[in-house]
Amino acid sequence: MKAKPWTKAERRALDFAFSSLLRRAEKITVKRLGERVAQLKDGESIVLEREGNLAEEARKIRNGLYGIKACILVRCMVKVVDGKIVITRVGTWPTLGAF
């Protein structure tokens, strides 16, 4: 028995579900990375080896870290060095006191 081909709506639904799973997995990965960055001391770094467009990956990581509670007060630098993504903790942002 031959399998029936996917309809356009079914393909679109599968694409959406798959991309949703990938986004969720990416968010979990960035959250774990954010927790690791928050535990670093000033000047320490994490080096990641990724494939593909490293500038795009670094941008995604940088944007993801900005939205994580663990990294709110952490100043970090994300850049591409020698084909690797380097995340360096630079310091902490000063906390605002009450007026």
PDB file of N, CA and C in Angstrom:
ATOM      1  N   MET A   1       0.834  -1.162   0.000  1.00  0.00           N
ATOM      2  CA  MET A   1       0.000   0.000   0.000  1.00  0.00           C
ATOM      3  C   MET A   1       0.891   1.242   0.000  1.00  0.00           C
ATOM      4  N   LYS A   2       0.577   2.166  -0.855  1.00  0.00           N
ATOM      5  CA  LYS A   2       1.366   3.368  -1.012  1.00  0.00           C
ATOM      6  C   LYS A   2       0.897   4.448  -0.037  1.00  0.00           C
ATOM      7  N   ALA A   3       1.860   5.176   0.539  1.00  0.00           N
ATOM      8  CA  ALA A   3       1.510   6.231   1.487  1.00  0.00           C
ATOM      9  C   ALA A   3       0.929   7.439   0.756  1.00  0.00           C
ATOM     10  N   LYS A   4      -0.068   8.032   1.381  1.00  0.00           N
ATOM     11  CA  LYS A   4      -0.705   9.205   0.811  1.00  0.00           C
ATOM     12  C   LYS A   4       0.203  10.425   1.018  1.00  0.00           C
ATOM     13  N   PRO A   5       0.414  11.270  -0.002  1.00  0.00           N
ATOM     14  CA  PRO A   5       1.269  12.444   0.190  1.00  0.00           C
ATOM     15  C   PRO A   5       0.635  13.455   1.148  1.00  0.00           C
ATOM     16  N   TRP A   6       1.497  14.226   1.816  1.00  0.00           N
ATOM     17  CA  TRP A   6       1.033  15.231   2.759  1.00  0.00           C
ATOM     18  C   TRP A   6       0.343  16.374   2.019  1.00  0.00           C
ATOM     19  N   THR A   7      -0.711  16.862   2.608  1.00  0.00           N
ATOM     20  CA  THR A   7      -1.360  18.046   2.034  1.00  0.00           C
ATOM     21  C   THR A   7      -0.555  19.278   2.460  1.00  0.00           C
ATOM     22  N   LYS A   8      -0.819  20.392   1.814  1.00  0.00           N
ATOM     23  CA  LYS A   8      -0.098  21.621   2.131  1.00  0.00           C
ATOM     24  C   LYS A   8      -0.346  22.050   3.585  1.00  0.00           C
ATOM     25  N   ALA A   9      -1.576  21.920   4.052  1.00  0.00           N
ATOM     26  CA  ALA A   9      -1.912  22.289   5.433  1.00  0.00           C
ATOM     27  C   ALA A   9      -1.208  21.372   6.436  1.00  0.00           C
ATOM     28  N   GLU A  10      -1.133  20.085   6.125  1.00  0.00           N
ATOM     29  CA  GLU A  10      -0.453  19.143   7.018  1.00  0.00           C
ATOM     30  C   GLU A  10       1.041  19.443   7.088  1.00  0.00           C
ATOM     31  N   ARG A  11       1.653  19.752   5.935  1.00  0.00           N
ATOM     32  CA  ARG A  11       3.071  20.096   5.922  1.00  0.00           C
ATOM     33  C   ARG A  11       3.336  21.363   6.723  1.00  0.00           C
ATOM     34  N   ARG A  12       2.465  22.356   6.582  1.00  0.00           N
ATOM     35  CA  ARG A  12       2.608  23.608   7.311  1.00  0.00           C
ATOM     36  C   ARG A  12       2.492  23.367   8.821  1.00  0.00           C
ATOM     37  N   ALA A  13       1.539  22.520   9.219  1.00  0.00           N
ATOM     38  CA  ALA A  13       1.356  22.208  10.641  1.00  0.00           C
ATOM     39  C   ALA A  13       2.577  21.471  11.198  1.00  0.00           C
ATOM     40  N   LEU A  14       3.123  20.536  10.437  1.00  0.00           N
ATOM     41  CA  LEU A  14       4.317  19.814  10.872  1.00  0.00           C
ATOM     42  C   LEU A  14       5.519  20.749  10.973  1.00  0.00           C
ATOM     43  N   ASP A  15       5.676  21.640   9.996  1.00  0.00           N
ATOM     44  CA  ASP A  15       6.773  22.603  10.034  1.00  0.00           C
ATOM     45  C   ASP A  15       6.666  23.497  11.264  1.00  0.00           C
ATOM     46  N   PHE A  16       5.458  23.948  11.578  1.00  0.00           N
ATOM     47  CA  PHE A  16       5.253  24.812  12.740  1.00  0.00           C
ATOM     48  C   PHE A  16       5.576  24.065  14.031  1.00  0.00           C
ATOM     49  N   ALA A  17       5.108  22.823  14.134  1.00  0.00           N
ATOM     50  CA  ALA A  17       5.349  22.026  15.338  1.00  0.00           C
ATOM     51  C   ALA A  17       6.846  21.763  15.519  1.00  0.00           C
ATOM     52  N   PHE A  18       7.534  21.429  14.430  1.00  0.00           N
ATOM     53  CA  PHE A  18       8.961  21.142  14.501  1.00  0.00           C
ATOM     54  C   PHE A  18       9.746  22.397  14.863  1.00  0.00           C
ATOM     55  N   SER A  19       9.417  23.530  14.252  1.00  0.00           N
ATOM     56  CA  SER A  19      10.136  24.769  14.573  1.00  0.00           C
ATOM     57  C   SER A  19       9.849  25.201  16.006  1.00  0.00           C
ATOM     58  N   SER A  20       8.629  24.939  16.495  1.00  0.00           N
ATOM     59  CA  SER A  20       8.291  25.253  17.877  1.00  0.00           C
ATOM     60  C   SER A  20       9.137  24.428  18.838  1.00  0.00           C
ATOM     61  N   LEU A  21       9.328  23.155  18.533  1.00  0.00           N
ATOM     62  CA  LEU A  21      10.171  22.290  19.370  1.00  0.00           C
ATOM     63  C   LEU A  21      11.618  22.770  19.361  1.00  0.00           C
ATOM     64  N   LEU A  22      12.114  23.179  18.190  1.00  0.00           N
ATOM     65  CA  LEU A  22      13.477  23.666  18.105  1.00  0.00           C
ATOM     66  C   LEU A  22      13.658  24.953  18.908  1.00  0.00           C
ATOM     67  N   ARG A  23      12.681  25.865  18.822  1.00  0.00           N
ATOM     68  CA  ARG A  23      12.768  27.116  19.583  1.00  0.00           C
ATOM     69  C   ARG A  23      12.764  26.828  21.078  1.00  0.00           C
ATOM     70  N   ARG A  24      11.919  25.897  21.514  1.00  0.00           N
ATOM     71  CA  ARG A  24      11.850  25.551  22.936  1.00  0.00           C
ATOM     72  C   ARG A  24      13.180  24.953  23.403  1.00  0.00           C
ATOM     73  N   ALA A  25      13.756  24.057  22.605  1.00  0.00           N
ATOM     74  CA  ALA A  25      15.045  23.460  22.961  1.00  0.00           C
ATOM     75  C   ALA A  25      16.134  24.528  22.994  1.00  0.00           C
ATOM     76  N   GLU A  26      16.078  25.474  22.065  1.00  0.00           N
ATOM     77  CA  GLU A  26      17.064  26.555  22.030  1.00  0.00           C
ATOM     78  C   GLU A  26      16.946  27.439  23.267  1.00  0.00           C
ATOM     79  N   LYS A  27      15.722  27.730  23.707  1.00  0.00           N
ATOM     80  CA  LYS A  27      15.518  28.547  24.898  1.00  0.00           C
ATOM     81  C   LYS A  27      16.065  27.843  26.138  1.00  0.00           C
ATOM     82  N   ILE A  28      15.837  26.540  26.234  1.00  0.00           N
ATOM     83  CA  ILE A  28      16.335  25.775  27.380  1.00  0.00           C
ATOM     84  C   ILE A  28      17.862  25.791  27.384  1.00  0.00           C
ATOM     85  N   THR A  29      18.474  25.641  26.202  1.00  0.00           N
ATOM     86  CA  THR A  29      19.927  25.655  26.096  1.00  0.00           C
ATOM     87  C   THR A  29      20.482  27.005  26.513  1.00  0.00           C
ATOM     88  N   VAL A  30      19.873  28.089  26.049  1.00  0.00           N
ATOM     89  CA  VAL A  30      20.343  29.428  26.402  1.00  0.00           C
ATOM     90  C   VAL A  30      20.141  29.683  27.891  1.00  0.00           C
ATOM     91  N   LYS A  31      19.053  29.173  28.465  1.00  0.00           N
ATOM     92  CA  LYS A  31      18.816  29.358  29.903  1.00  0.00           C
ATOM     93  C   LYS A  31      19.909  28.669  30.712  1.00  0.00           C
ATOM     94  N   ARG A  32      20.264  27.457  30.342  1.00  0.00           N
ATOM     95  CA  ARG A  32      21.336  26.743  31.043  1.00  0.00           C
ATOM     96  C   ARG A  32      22.661  27.488  30.885  1.00  0.00           C
ATOM     97  N   LEU A  33      22.893  28.001  29.684  1.00  0.00           N
ATOM     98  CA  LEU A  33      24.103  28.766  29.427  1.00  0.00           C
ATOM     99  C   LEU A  33      24.128  30.030  30.284  1.00  0.00           C
ATOM    100  N   GLY A  34      22.977  30.675  30.423  1.00  0.00           N
ATOM    101  CA  GLY A  34      22.867  31.867  31.257  1.00  0.00           C
ATOM    102  C   GLY A  34      23.192  31.574  32.707  1.00  0.00           C
ATOM    103  N   GLU A  35      22.754  30.429  33.193  1.00  0.00           N
ATOM    104  CA  GLU A  35      23.065  30.045  34.573  1.00  0.00           C
ATOM    105  C   GLU A  35      24.567  29.821  34.744  1.00  0.00           C
ATOM    106  N   ARG A  36      25.208  29.251  33.722  1.00  0.00           N
ATOM    107  CA  ARG A  36      26.663  29.057  33.770  1.00  0.00           C
ATOM    108  C   ARG A  36      27.391  30.396  33.751  1.00  0.00           C
ATOM    109  N   VAL A  37      26.912  31.334  32.929  1.00  0.00           N
ATOM    110  CA  VAL A  37      27.530  32.661  32.845  1.00  0.00           C
ATOM    111  C   VAL A  37      27.379  33.391  34.178  1.00  0.00           C
ATOM    112  N   ALA A  38      26.227  33.264  34.812  1.00  0.00           N
ATOM    113  CA  ALA A  38      25.989  33.938  36.093  1.00  0.00           C
ATOM    114  C   ALA A  38      26.924  33.416  37.179  1.00  0.00           C
ATOM    115  N   GLN A  39      27.382  32.180  37.074  1.00  0.00           N
ATOM    116  CA  GLN A  39      28.270  31.603  38.079  1.00  0.00           C
ATOM    117  C   GLN A  39      29.746  31.913  37.833  1.00  0.00           C
ATOM    118  N   LEU A  40      30.070  32.478  36.663  1.00  0.00           N
ATOM    119  CA  LEU A  40      31.456  32.815  36.361  1.00  0.00           C
ATOM    120  C   LEU A  40      31.940  33.965  37.238  1.00  0.00           C
ATOM    121  N   LYS A  41      33.244  34.014  37.459  1.00  0.00           N
ATOM    122  CA  LYS A  41      33.877  35.156  38.121  1.00  0.00           C
ATOM    123  C   LYS A  41      34.234  36.179  37.033  1.00  0.00           C
ATOM    124  N   ASP A  42      34.472  37.427  37.442  1.00  0.00           N
ATOM    125  CA  ASP A  42      34.846  38.457  36.480  1.00  0.00           C
ATOM    126  C   ASP A  42      36.114  38.056  35.721  1.00  0.00           C
ATOM    127  N   GLY A  43      36.066  38.167  34.398  1.00  0.00           N
ATOM    128  CA  GLY A  43      37.208  37.834  33.547  1.00  0.00           C
ATOM    129  C   GLY A  43      37.222  36.397  33.051  1.00  0.00           C
ATOM    130  N   GLU A  44      36.427  35.517  33.633  1.00  0.00           N
ATOM    131  CA  GLU A  44      36.372  34.123  33.183  1.00  0.00           C
ATOM    132  C   GLU A  44      35.516  34.016  31.919  1.00  0.00           C
ATOM    133  N   SER A  45      35.778  32.982  31.127  1.00  0.00           N
ATOM    134  CA  SER A  45      35.090  32.827  29.849  1.00  0.00           C
ATOM    135  C   SER A  45      34.575  31.417  29.645  1.00  0.00           C
ATOM    136  N   ILE A  46      33.592  31.315  28.772  1.00  0.00           N
ATOM    137  CA  ILE A  46      33.088  30.031  28.284  1.00  0.00           C
ATOM    138  C   ILE A  46      33.322  30.038  26.782  1.00  0.00           C
ATOM    139  N   VAL A  47      33.902  28.969  26.251  1.00  0.00           N
ATOM    140  CA  VAL A  47      34.176  28.875  24.823  1.00  0.00           C
ATOM    141  C   VAL A  47      33.264  27.821  24.226  1.00  0.00           C
ATOM    142  N   LEU A  48      32.525  28.206  23.171  1.00  0.00           N
ATOM    143  CA  LEU A  48      31.604  27.294  22.498  1.00  0.00           C
ATOM    144  C   LEU A  48      32.071  27.050  21.071  1.00  0.00           C
ATOM    145  N   GLU A  49      32.019  25.810  20.650  1.00  0.00           N
ATOM    146  CA  GLU A  49      32.334  25.485  19.262  1.00  0.00           C
ATOM    147  C   GLU A  49      31.025  25.163  18.567  1.00  0.00           C
ATOM    148  N   ARG A  50      30.629  26.004  17.629  1.00  0.00           N
ATOM    149  CA  ARG A  50      29.383  25.824  16.895  1.00  0.00           C
ATOM    150  C   ARG A  50      29.679  25.712  15.417  1.00  0.00           C
ATOM    151  N   GLU A  51      28.719  25.184  14.683  1.00  0.00           N
ATOM    152  CA  GLU A  51      28.832  25.111  13.231  1.00  0.00           C
ATOM    153  C   GLU A  51      27.854  26.089  12.614  1.00  0.00           C
ATOM    154  N   GLY A  52      28.094  26.431  11.383  1.00  0.00           N
ATOM    155  CA  GLY A  52      27.196  27.349  10.693  1.00  0.00           C
ATOM    156  C   GLY A  52      27.703  28.774  10.771  1.00  0.00           C
ATOM    157  N   ASN A  53      26.795  29.720  10.668  1.00  0.00           N
ATOM    158  CA  ASN A  53      27.116  31.138  10.705  1.00  0.00           C
ATOM    159  C   ASN A  53      27.363  31.558  12.162  1.00  0.00           C
ATOM    160  N   LEU A  54      28.627  31.741  12.510  1.00  0.00           N
ATOM    161  CA  LEU A  54      28.975  32.027  13.908  1.00  0.00           C
ATOM    162  C   LEU A  54      28.476  33.388  14.367  1.00  0.00           C
ATOM    163  N   ALA A  55      28.471  34.365  13.474  1.00  0.00           N
ATOM    164  CA  ALA A  55      27.979  35.696  13.849  1.00  0.00           C
ATOM    165  C   ALA A  55      26.496  35.626  14.205  1.00  0.00           C
ATOM    166  N   GLU A  56      25.743  34.860  13.440  1.00  0.00           N
ATOM    167  CA  GLU A  56      24.305  34.700  13.703  1.00  0.00           C
ATOM    168  C   GLU A  56      24.085  33.943  15.015  1.00  0.00           C
ATOM    169  N   GLU A  57      24.876  32.902  15.251  1.00  0.00           N
ATOM    170  CA  GLU A  57      24.770  32.140  16.498  1.00  0.00           C
ATOM    171  C   GLU A  57      25.124  33.015  17.708  1.00  0.00           C
ATOM    172  N   ALA A  58      26.178  33.827  17.572  1.00  0.00           N
ATOM    173  CA  ALA A  58      26.578  34.718  18.666  1.00  0.00           C
ATOM    174  C   ALA A  58      25.473  35.736  18.952  1.00  0.00           C
ATOM    175  N   ARG A  59      24.828  36.238  17.909  1.00  0.00           N
ATOM    176  CA  ARG A  59      23.738  37.192  18.085  1.00  0.00           C
ATOM    177  C   ARG A  59      22.577  36.549  18.828  1.00  0.00           C
ATOM    178  N   LYS A  60      22.238  35.313  18.457  1.00  0.00           N
ATOM    179  CA  LYS A  60      21.145  34.603  19.128  1.00  0.00           C
ATOM    180  C   LYS A  60      21.471  34.376  20.608  1.00  0.00           C
ATOM    181  N   ILE A  61      22.707  34.006  20.887  1.00  0.00           N
ATOM    182  CA  ILE A  61      23.117  33.765  22.274  1.00  0.00           C
ATOM    183  C   ILE A  61      23.070  35.064  23.060  1.00  0.00           C
ATOM    184  N   ARG A  62      23.613  36.134  22.486  1.00  0.00           N
ATOM    185  CA  ARG A  62      23.620  37.439  23.169  1.00  0.00           C
ATOM    186  C   ARG A  62      22.203  37.895  23.478  1.00  0.00           C
ATOM    187  N   ASN A  63      21.323  37.816  22.496  1.00  0.00           N
ATOM    188  CA  ASN A  63      19.927  38.222  22.708  1.00  0.00           C
ATOM    189  C   ASN A  63      19.228  37.323  23.713  1.00  0.00           C
ATOM    190  N   GLY A  64      19.541  36.042  23.696  1.00  0.00           N
ATOM    191  CA  GLY A  64      18.936  35.115  24.646  1.00  0.00           C
ATOM    192  C   GLY A  64      19.386  35.373  26.074  1.00  0.00           C
ATOM    193  N   LEU A  65      20.669  35.719  26.246  1.00  0.00           N
ATOM    194  CA  LEU A  65      21.193  35.978  27.587  1.00  0.00           C
ATOM    195  C   LEU A  65      20.576  37.230  28.195  1.00  0.00           C
ATOM    196  N   TYR A  66      20.259  38.213  27.366  1.00  0.00           N
ATOM    197  CA  TYR A  66      19.676  39.448  27.886  1.00  0.00           C
ATOM    198  C   TYR A  66      18.294  39.216  28.491  1.00  0.00           C
ATOM    199  N   GLY A  67      17.599  38.169  28.094  1.00  0.00           N
ATOM    200  CA  GLY A  67      16.252  37.930  28.591  1.00  0.00           C
ATOM    201  C   GLY A  67      16.156  36.977  29.762  1.00  0.00           C
ATOM    202  N   ILE A  68      17.269  36.567  30.329  1.00  0.00           N
ATOM    203  CA  ILE A  68      17.274  35.582  31.406  1.00  0.00           C
ATOM    204  C   ILE A  68      17.463  36.276  32.747  1.00  0.00           C
ATOM    205  N   LYS A  69      16.666  35.886  33.737  1.00  0.00           N
ATOM    206  CA  LYS A  69      16.748  36.504  35.069  1.00  0.00           C
ATOM    207  C   LYS A  69      18.126  36.354  35.697  1.00  0.00           C
ATOM    208  N   ALA A  70      18.748  35.207  35.503  1.00  0.00           N
ATOM    209  CA  ALA A  70      20.055  34.961  36.120  1.00  0.00           C
ATOM    210  C   ALA A  70      21.118  35.925  35.596  1.00  0.00           C
ATOM    211  N   CYS A  71      20.909  36.482  34.402  1.00  0.00           N
ATOM    212  CA  CYS A  71      21.913  37.353  33.780  1.00  0.00           C
ATOM    213  C   CYS A  71      21.544  38.828  33.818  1.00  0.00           C
ATOM    214  N   ILE A  72      20.524  39.201  34.563  1.00  0.00           N
ATOM    215  CA  ILE A  72      20.092  40.601  34.581  1.00  0.00           C
ATOM    216  C   ILE A  72      21.208  41.515  35.086  1.00  0.00           C
ATOM    217  N   LEU A  73      21.879  41.141  36.139  1.00  0.00           N
ATOM    218  CA  LEU A  73      22.913  41.987  36.719  1.00  0.00           C
ATOM    219  C   LEU A  73      24.322  41.640  36.238  1.00  0.00           C
ATOM    220  N   VAL A  74      24.443  40.706  35.307  1.00  0.00           N
ATOM    221  CA  VAL A  74      25.746  40.274  34.820  1.00  0.00           C
ATOM    222  C   VAL A  74      26.056  40.981  33.506  1.00  0.00           C
ATOM    223  N   ARG A  75      27.234  41.607  33.440  1.00  0.00           N
ATOM    224  CA  ARG A  75      27.695  42.192  32.191  1.00  0.00           C
ATOM    225  C   ARG A  75      28.570  41.162  31.509  1.00  0.00           C
ATOM    226  N   CYS A  76      28.203  40.780  30.295  1.00  0.00           N
ATOM    227  CA  CYS A  76      29.017  39.795  29.589  1.00  0.00           C
ATOM    228  C   CYS A  76      29.232  40.231  28.145  1.00  0.00           C
ATOM    229  N   MET A  77      30.290  39.710  27.561  1.00  0.00           N
ATOM    230  CA  MET A  77      30.672  40.011  26.201  1.00  0.00           C
ATOM    231  C   MET A  77      30.590  38.711  25.398  1.00  0.00           C
ATOM    232  N   VAL A  78      29.905  38.747  24.266  1.00  0.00           N
ATOM    233  CA  VAL A  78      29.803  37.577  23.400  1.00  0.00           C
ATOM    234  C   VAL A  78      30.435  37.955  22.073  1.00  0.00           C
ATOM    235  N   LYS A  79      31.500  37.239  21.690  1.00  0.00           N
ATOM    236  CA  LYS A  79      32.147  37.548  20.422  1.00  0.00           C
ATOM    237  C   LYS A  79      32.720  36.289  19.794  1.00  0.00           C
ATOM    238  N   VAL A  80      33.027  36.396  18.493  1.00  0.00           N
ATOM    239  CA  VAL A  80      33.591  35.278  17.744  1.00  0.00           C
ATOM    240  C   VAL A  80      35.100  35.465  17.660  1.00  0.00           C
ATOM    241  N   VAL A  81      35.850  34.455  18.124  1.00  0.00           N
ATOM    242  CA  VAL A  81      37.311  34.501  18.109  1.00  0.00           C
ATOM    243  C   VAL A  81      37.836  33.188  17.549  1.00  0.00           C
ATOM    244  N   ASP A  82      38.587  33.261  16.472  1.00  0.00           N
ATOM    245  CA  ASP A  82      39.212  32.071  15.859  1.00  0.00           C
ATOM    246  C   ASP A  82      38.211  30.945  15.593  1.00  0.00           C
ATOM    247  N   GLY A  83      37.048  31.274  15.072  1.00  0.00           N
ATOM    248  CA  GLY A  83      36.053  30.264  14.729  1.00  0.00           C
ATOM    249  C   GLY A  83      35.307  29.675  15.911  1.00  0.00           C
ATOM    250  N   LYS A  84      35.396  30.325  17.071  1.00  0.00           N
ATOM    251  CA  LYS A  84      34.687  29.871  18.267  1.00  0.00           C
ATOM    252  C   LYS A  84      33.947  31.048  18.871  1.00  0.00           C
ATOM    253  N   ILE A  85      32.870  30.756  19.593  1.00  0.00           N
ATOM    254  CA  ILE A  85      32.117  31.795  20.279  1.00  0.00           C
ATOM    255  C   ILE A  85      32.615  31.854  21.719  1.00  0.00           C
ATOM    256  N   VAL A  86      33.053  33.051  22.128  1.00  0.00           N
ATOM    257  CA  VAL A  86      33.602  33.240  23.472  1.00  0.00           C
ATOM    258  C   VAL A  86      32.665  34.155  24.249  1.00  0.00           C
ATOM    259  N   ILE A  87      32.214  33.679  25.415  1.00  0.00           N
ATOM    260  CA  ILE A  87      31.357  34.467  26.303  1.00  0.00           C
ATOM    261  C   ILE A  87      32.194  34.778  27.544  1.00  0.00           C
ATOM    262  N   THR A  88      32.453  36.062  27.759  1.00  0.00           N
ATOM    263  CA  THR A  88      33.298  36.498  28.875  1.00  0.00           C
ATOM    264  C   THR A  88      32.487  37.342  29.839  1.00  0.00           C
ATOM    265  N   ARG A  89      32.573  37.025  31.113  1.00  0.00           N
ATOM    266  CA  ARG A  89      31.909  37.852  32.117  1.00  0.00           C
ATOM    267  C   ARG A  89      32.798  39.056  32.397  1.00  0.00           C
ATOM    268  N   VAL A  90      32.252  40.248  32.203  1.00  0.00           N
ATOM    269  CA  VAL A  90      33.004  41.479  32.346  1.00  0.00           C
ATOM    270  C   VAL A  90      32.833  42.073  33.736  1.00  0.00           C
ATOM    271  N   GLY A  91      31.682  41.919  34.325  1.00  0.00           N
ATOM    272  CA  GLY A  91      31.424  42.481  35.640  1.00  0.00           C
ATOM    273  C   GLY A  91      29.947  42.372  35.954  1.00  0.00           C
ATOM    274  N   THR A  92      29.516  43.213  36.891  1.00  0.00           N
ATOM    275  CA  THR A  92      28.097  43.237  37.238  1.00  0.00           C
ATOM    276  C   THR A  92      27.597  44.666  37.130  1.00  0.00           C
ATOM    277  N   TRP A  93      26.332  44.796  36.811  1.00  0.00           N
ATOM    278  CA  TRP A  93      25.709  46.106  36.779  1.00  0.00           C
ATOM    279  C   TRP A  93      25.406  46.518  38.215  1.00  0.00           C
ATOM    280  N   PRO A  94      25.605  47.776  38.530  1.00  0.00           N
ATOM    281  CA  PRO A  94      25.270  48.218  39.908  1.00  0.00           C
ATOM    282  C   PRO A  94      23.773  48.156  40.137  1.00  0.00           C
ATOM    283  N   THR A  95      23.395  47.785  41.337  1.00  0.00           N
ATOM    284  CA  THR A  95      21.968  47.739  41.665  1.00  0.00           C
ATOM    285  C   THR A  95      21.494  49.142  42.030  1.00  0.00           C
ATOM    286  N   LEU A  96      20.280  49.421  41.669  1.00  0.00           N
ATOM    287  CA  LEU A  96      19.705  50.733  41.974  1.00  0.00           C
ATOM    288  C   LEU A  96      19.137  50.734  43.386  1.00  0.00           C
ATOM    289  N   GLY A  97      19.439  51.758  44.140  1.00  0.00           N
ATOM    290  CA  GLY A  97      18.924  51.863  45.487  1.00  0.00           C
ATOM    291  C   GLY A  97      17.586  52.592  45.484  1.00  0.00           C
ATOM    292  N   ALA A  98      16.935  52.617  46.608  1.00  0.00           N
ATOM    293  CA  ALA A  98      15.652  53.311  46.734  1.00  0.00           C
ATOM    294  C   ALA A  98      15.901  54.815  46.769  1.00  0.00           C
ATOM    295  N   PHE A  99      14.990  55.563  46.252  1.00  0.00           N
ATOM    296  CA  PHE A  99      15.149  57.020  46.200  1.00  0.00           C
ATOM    297  C   PHE A  99      14.725  57.644  47.482  1.00  0.00           C
TER     298      PHE A  99
END
